[in-house]
């Protein structure tokens, strides 16, 4: 019986005089975030390879022209650019020639490129030593697909040639984004 009146007294005190819940202590912690400028370029291909079969103009898709044979690789390279600033993707060649294993040379201008989604299917541009802007974009992710075409002149000796294509991403001012 002793317990019942004490419990009843506590319940009555709570109902009659509810006490507000209070925080004993608190502190604000300022948060500062400094995100750096970030641009990432990813390429789907480790190499662009023109095989002997690519130059078959009788049974294959190559074209025989007056100066030689033209081989085409559609959607051969896909570049994905991600960045938190506006940017421009450019294409160039770091060297003037593709060099043959037996000493032959192919000028980089014999390698042409175009954007795969180009409305003008004849919009082939020669690869050059100068950076040529391909496409600009706002912050975010952009995918760019390239077609490549190589003209093998009759004067180019039969052998394997090596060279490079250079894709470069550069941040730009907002006003320069197309």
C-alpha atoms as a PDB file:
ATOM      1  CA  UNK A   1       0.000   0.000   0.000  1.00  0.00           C
ATOM      2  CA  UNK A   2       2.872   2.278   0.572  1.00  0.00           C
ATOM      3  CA  UNK A   3       3.877   2.118  -3.070  1.00  0.00           C
ATOM      4  CA  UNK A   4       0.551   3.092  -4.517  1.00  0.00           C
ATOM      5  CA  UNK A   5       0.288   6.565  -2.979  1.00  0.00           C
ATOM      6  CA  UNK A   6       3.884   7.472  -4.007  1.00  0.00           C
ATOM      7  CA  UNK A   7       3.290   6.360  -7.628  1.00  0.00           C
ATOM      8  CA  UNK A   8       0.001   8.257  -7.654  1.00  0.00           C
ATOM      9  CA  UNK A   9       1.754  11.343  -6.318  1.00  0.00           C
ATOM     10  CA  UNK A  10       4.417  11.182  -9.084  1.00  0.00           C
ATOM     11  CA  UNK A  11       1.775  10.783 -11.805  1.00  0.00           C
ATOM     12  CA  UNK A  12      -0.193  13.734 -10.455  1.00  0.00           C
ATOM     13  CA  UNK A  13       2.912  15.913 -10.342  1.00  0.00           C
ATOM     14  CA  UNK A  14       3.694  15.105 -13.951  1.00  0.00           C
ATOM     15  CA  UNK A  15       0.171  15.812 -15.153  1.00  0.00           C
ATOM     16  CA  UNK A  16      -0.213  19.006 -13.182  1.00  0.00           C
ATOM     17  CA  UNK A  17       3.300  20.392 -13.643  1.00  0.00           C
ATOM     18  CA  UNK A  18       4.954  19.035 -16.836  1.00  0.00           C
ATOM     19  CA  UNK A  19       8.634  19.968 -17.028  1.00  0.00           C
ATOM     20  CA  UNK A  20      10.004  20.994 -20.448  1.00  0.00           C
ATOM     21  CA  UNK A  21      12.775  18.878 -21.936  1.00  0.00           C
ATOM     22  CA  UNK A  22      15.988  20.890 -22.064  1.00  0.00           C
ATOM     23  CA  UNK A  23      19.321  20.307 -23.725  1.00  0.00           C
ATOM     24  CA  UNK A  24      22.075  20.399 -21.194  1.00  0.00           C
ATOM     25  CA  UNK A  25      24.624  21.855 -23.596  1.00  0.00           C
ATOM     26  CA  UNK A  26      25.160  22.405 -27.369  1.00  0.00           C
ATOM     27  CA  UNK A  27      27.707  23.786 -29.750  1.00  0.00           C
ATOM     28  CA  UNK A  28      27.623  24.830 -33.381  1.00  0.00           C
ATOM     29  CA  UNK A  29      30.368  23.445 -35.590  1.00  0.00           C
ATOM     30  CA  UNK A  30      31.055  25.521 -38.709  1.00  0.00           C
ATOM     31  CA  UNK A  31      31.542  23.502 -41.893  1.00  0.00           C
ATOM     32  CA  UNK A  32      33.742  24.722 -44.736  1.00  0.00           C
ATOM     33  CA  UNK A  33      34.077  22.753 -47.955  1.00  0.00           C
ATOM     34  CA  UNK A  34      36.569  23.725 -50.646  1.00  0.00           C
ATOM     35  CA  UNK A  35      35.945  21.645 -53.755  1.00  0.00           C
ATOM     36  CA  UNK A  36      38.805  21.873 -56.232  1.00  0.00           C
ATOM     37  CA  UNK A  37      38.427  22.246 -59.968  1.00  0.00           C
ATOM     38  CA  UNK A  38      38.038  18.713 -61.323  1.00  0.00           C
ATOM     39  CA  UNK A  39      38.061  17.451 -64.907  1.00  0.00           C
ATOM     40  CA  UNK A  40      38.359  13.781 -65.851  1.00  0.00           C
ATOM     41  CA  UNK A  41      38.842  12.390 -69.362  1.00  0.00           C
ATOM     42  CA  UNK A  42      38.124   8.701 -69.948  1.00  0.00           C
ATOM     43  CA  UNK A  43      38.714   6.924 -73.249  1.00  0.00           C
ATOM     44  CA  UNK A  44      37.082   3.620 -74.192  1.00  0.00           C
ATOM     45  CA  UNK A  45      39.990   2.473 -76.376  1.00  0.00           C
ATOM     46  CA  UNK A  46      43.623   1.850 -75.582  1.00  0.00           C
ATOM     47  CA  UNK A  47      44.525   1.769 -79.287  1.00  0.00           C
ATOM     48  CA  UNK A  48      43.167   2.729 -82.662  1.00  0.00           C
ATOM     49  CA  UNK A  49      44.125  -0.131 -84.970  1.00  0.00           C
ATOM     50  CA  UNK A  50      43.691  -0.236 -88.733  1.00  0.00           C
ATOM     51  CA  UNK A  51      44.112  -3.892 -89.755  1.00  0.00           C
ATOM     52  CA  UNK A  52      45.041  -5.108 -93.238  1.00  0.00           C
ATOM     53  CA  UNK A  53      41.415  -6.214 -93.699  1.00  0.00           C
ATOM     54  CA  UNK A  54      40.271  -2.596 -93.163  1.00  0.00           C
ATOM     55  CA  UNK A  55      41.999  -1.709 -96.460  1.00  0.00           C
ATOM     56  CA  UNK A  56      40.167  -4.391 -98.481  1.00  0.00           C
ATOM     57  CA  UNK A  57      38.322  -2.370-101.120  1.00  0.00           C
ATOM     58  CA  UNK A  58      37.176  -5.468-103.062  1.00  0.00           C
ATOM     59  CA  UNK A  59      35.352  -7.453-100.363  1.00  0.00           C
ATOM     60  CA  UNK A  60      35.497  -4.942 -97.486  1.00  0.00           C
ATOM     61  CA  UNK A  61      34.257  -1.453 -96.766  1.00  0.00           C
ATOM     62  CA  UNK A  62      37.413   0.409 -97.834  1.00  0.00           C
ATOM     63  CA  UNK A  63      37.341   2.746-100.819  1.00  0.00           C
ATOM     64  CA  UNK A  64      39.849   2.811-103.635  1.00  0.00           C
ATOM     65  CA  UNK A  65      40.636   6.371-104.681  1.00  0.00           C
ATOM     66  CA  UNK A  66      43.116   7.834-107.153  1.00  0.00           C
ATOM     67  CA  UNK A  67      45.836   8.404-104.525  1.00  0.00           C
ATOM     68  CA  UNK A  68      45.430   5.103-102.637  1.00  0.00           C
ATOM     69  CA  UNK A  69      42.977   3.296-100.362  1.00  0.00           C
ATOM     70  CA  UNK A  70      40.778   4.824 -97.662  1.00  0.00           C
ATOM     71  CA  UNK A  71      39.911   2.799 -94.531  1.00  0.00           C
ATOM     72  CA  UNK A  72      37.283   4.020 -92.061  1.00  0.00           C
ATOM     73  CA  UNK A  73      36.671   3.153 -88.414  1.00  0.00           C
ATOM     74  CA  UNK A  74      33.320   4.419 -87.165  1.00  0.00           C
ATOM     75  CA  UNK A  75      32.853   5.169 -83.470  1.00  0.00           C
ATOM     76  CA  UNK A  76      36.425   4.017 -82.976  1.00  0.00           C
ATOM     77  CA  UNK A  77      37.041   6.158 -79.908  1.00  0.00           C
ATOM     78  CA  UNK A  78      34.585   7.359 -77.286  1.00  0.00           C
ATOM     79  CA  UNK A  79      35.796  10.109 -74.967  1.00  0.00           C
ATOM     80  CA  UNK A  80      33.830  10.785 -71.786  1.00  0.00           C
ATOM     81  CA  UNK A  81      34.549  14.103 -70.093  1.00  0.00           C
ATOM     82  CA  UNK A  82      33.329  14.819 -66.559  1.00  0.00           C
ATOM     83  CA  UNK A  83      34.005  18.109 -64.849  1.00  0.00           C
ATOM     84  CA  UNK A  84      32.716  20.607 -62.349  1.00  0.00           C
ATOM     85  CA  UNK A  85      33.757  23.577 -64.518  1.00  0.00           C
ATOM     86  CA  UNK A  86      33.049  24.388 -68.183  1.00  0.00           C
ATOM     87  CA  UNK A  87      35.575  22.727 -70.484  1.00  0.00           C
ATOM     88  CA  UNK A  88      36.648  22.188 -74.084  1.00  0.00           C
ATOM     89  CA  UNK A  89      37.812  18.892 -75.579  1.00  0.00           C
ATOM     90  CA  UNK A  90      40.485  19.226 -78.283  1.00  0.00           C
ATOM     91  CA  UNK A  91      42.240  16.802 -80.638  1.00  0.00           C
ATOM     92  CA  UNK A  92      45.764  16.918 -82.081  1.00  0.00           C
ATOM     93  CA  UNK A  93      48.810  14.812 -82.867  1.00  0.00           C
ATOM     94  CA  UNK A  94      51.967  15.111 -80.764  1.00  0.00           C
ATOM     95  CA  UNK A  95      54.194  14.211 -83.737  1.00  0.00           C
ATOM     96  CA  UNK A  96      54.069  15.051 -87.425  1.00  0.00           C
ATOM     97  CA  UNK A  97      54.369  11.470 -88.680  1.00  0.00           C
ATOM     98  CA  UNK A  98      53.207   7.950 -87.986  1.00  0.00           C
ATOM     99  CA  UNK A  99      56.503   6.068 -88.122  1.00  0.00           C
ATOM    100  CA  UNK A 100      56.863   2.710 -89.854  1.00  0.00           C
ATOM    101  CA  UNK A 101      58.703  -0.180 -88.235  1.00  0.00           C
ATOM    102  CA  UNK A 102      60.921  -0.335 -91.335  1.00  0.00           C
ATOM    103  CA  UNK A 103      61.410   3.410 -91.641  1.00  0.00           C
ATOM    104  CA  UNK A 104      58.384   4.532 -93.653  1.00  0.00           C
ATOM    105  CA  UNK A 105      56.436   7.670 -92.750  1.00  0.00           C
ATOM    106  CA  UNK A 106      52.752   8.568 -92.934  1.00  0.00           C
ATOM    107  CA  UNK A 107      51.924  12.233 -92.404  1.00  0.00           C
ATOM    108  CA  UNK A 108      49.348  12.732 -89.615  1.00  0.00           C
ATOM    109  CA  UNK A 109      47.125  14.661 -92.034  1.00  0.00           C
ATOM    110  CA  UNK A 110      46.420  11.328 -93.786  1.00  0.00           C
ATOM    111  CA  UNK A 111      44.522  10.390 -90.609  1.00  0.00           C
ATOM    112  CA  UNK A 112      41.221  12.256 -90.539  1.00  0.00           C
ATOM    113  CA  UNK A 113      38.531  12.488 -87.870  1.00  0.00           C
ATOM    114  CA  UNK A 114      34.923  13.543 -87.486  1.00  0.00           C
ATOM    115  CA  UNK A 115      32.317  13.384 -84.769  1.00  0.00           C
ATOM    116  CA  UNK A 116      30.202  10.263 -85.136  1.00  0.00           C
ATOM    117  CA  UNK A 117      26.990  12.244 -84.648  1.00  0.00           C
ATOM    118  CA  UNK A 118      27.932  14.815 -87.304  1.00  0.00           C
ATOM    119  CA  UNK A 119      25.024  15.683 -89.570  1.00  0.00           C
ATOM    120  CA  UNK A 120      27.485  16.271 -92.409  1.00  0.00           C
ATOM    121  CA  UNK A 121      28.856  12.776 -93.100  1.00  0.00           C
ATOM    122  CA  UNK A 122      31.617  14.324 -95.259  1.00  0.00           C
ATOM    123  CA  UNK A 123      32.898  16.532 -92.440  1.00  0.00           C
ATOM    124  CA  UNK A 124      36.318  14.831 -92.226  1.00  0.00           C
ATOM    125  CA  UNK A 125      39.098  16.956 -90.734  1.00  0.00           C
ATOM    126  CA  UNK A 126      42.783  16.105 -90.943  1.00  0.00           C
ATOM    127  CA  UNK A 127      44.667  15.446 -87.733  1.00  0.00           C
ATOM    128  CA  UNK A 128      47.130  18.298 -87.098  1.00  0.00           C
ATOM    129  CA  UNK A 129      49.845  19.247 -84.649  1.00  0.00           C
ATOM    130  CA  UNK A 130      47.700  22.154 -83.485  1.00  0.00           C
ATOM    131  CA  UNK A 131      44.965  21.535 -80.943  1.00  0.00           C
ATOM    132  CA  UNK A 132      41.605  21.706 -82.672  1.00  0.00           C
ATOM    133  CA  UNK A 133      38.573  22.297 -80.409  1.00  0.00           C
ATOM    134  CA  UNK A 134      36.105  19.439 -80.821  1.00  0.00           C
ATOM    135  CA  UNK A 135      33.315  20.231 -78.388  1.00  0.00           C
ATOM    136  CA  UNK A 136      32.740  22.377 -75.306  1.00  0.00           C
ATOM    137  CA  UNK A 137      30.444  21.635 -72.414  1.00  0.00           C
ATOM    138  CA  UNK A 138      29.099  23.020 -69.153  1.00  0.00           C
ATOM    139  CA  UNK A 139      29.859  21.363 -65.812  1.00  0.00           C
ATOM    140  CA  UNK A 140      28.651  17.768 -65.925  1.00  0.00           C
ATOM    141  CA  UNK A 141      29.393  14.773 -68.128  1.00  0.00           C
ATOM    142  CA  UNK A 142      29.646  14.705 -71.910  1.00  0.00           C
ATOM    143  CA  UNK A 143      30.309  11.785 -74.256  1.00  0.00           C
ATOM    144  CA  UNK A 144      32.039  12.414 -77.590  1.00  0.00           C
ATOM    145  CA  UNK A 145      32.279   9.699 -80.260  1.00  0.00           C
ATOM    146  CA  UNK A 146      34.922   9.865 -82.974  1.00  0.00           C
ATOM    147  CA  UNK A 147      35.153   8.254 -86.410  1.00  0.00           C
ATOM    148  CA  UNK A 148      38.591   7.973 -88.012  1.00  0.00           C
ATOM    149  CA  UNK A 149      39.648   7.573 -91.626  1.00  0.00           C
ATOM    150  CA  UNK A 150      43.143   6.824 -92.908  1.00  0.00           C
ATOM    151  CA  UNK A 151      44.207   7.254 -96.502  1.00  0.00           C
ATOM    152  CA  UNK A 152      47.074   4.914 -97.373  1.00  0.00           C
ATOM    153  CA  UNK A 153      48.808   6.491-100.355  1.00  0.00           C
ATOM    154  CA  UNK A 154      50.265   4.227-103.022  1.00  0.00           C
ATOM    155  CA  UNK A 155      53.641   5.689-102.001  1.00  0.00           C
ATOM    156  CA  UNK A 156      53.301   4.474 -98.373  1.00  0.00           C
ATOM    157  CA  UNK A 157      55.393   1.279 -98.014  1.00  0.00           C
ATOM    158  CA  UNK A 158      53.579  -1.838 -96.789  1.00  0.00           C
ATOM    159  CA  UNK A 159      54.495  -2.130 -93.082  1.00  0.00           C
ATOM    160  CA  UNK A 160      53.155  -1.367 -89.609  1.00  0.00           C
ATOM    161  CA  UNK A 161      53.117   2.284 -88.519  1.00  0.00           C
ATOM    162  CA  UNK A 162      52.870   3.736 -85.016  1.00  0.00           C
ATOM    163  CA  UNK A 163      51.815   7.162 -83.795  1.00  0.00           C
ATOM    164  CA  UNK A 164      49.492   8.877 -81.364  1.00  0.00           C
ATOM    165  CA  UNK A 165      46.352  10.947 -81.164  1.00  0.00           C
ATOM    166  CA  UNK A 166      46.208  13.436 -78.308  1.00  0.00           C
ATOM    167  CA  UNK A 167      42.861  14.326 -76.724  1.00  0.00           C
ATOM    168  CA  UNK A 168      43.081  17.262 -74.316  1.00  0.00           C
ATOM    169  CA  UNK A 169      40.523  18.784 -71.954  1.00  0.00           C
ATOM    170  CA  UNK A 170      40.996  22.398 -70.880  1.00  0.00           C
ATOM    171  CA  UNK A 171      38.803  24.420 -68.489  1.00  0.00           C
ATOM    172  CA  UNK A 172      37.234  27.491 -70.064  1.00  0.00           C
ATOM    173  CA  UNK A 173      35.280  30.572 -69.018  1.00  0.00           C
ATOM    174  CA  UNK A 174      31.469  30.223 -69.048  1.00  0.00           C
ATOM    175  CA  UNK A 175      31.245  32.680 -71.954  1.00  0.00           C
ATOM    176  CA  UNK A 176      33.388  30.379 -74.133  1.00  0.00           C
ATOM    177  CA  UNK A 177      31.091  27.329 -73.812  1.00  0.00           C
ATOM    178  CA  UNK A 178      29.099  26.756 -77.003  1.00  0.00           C
END
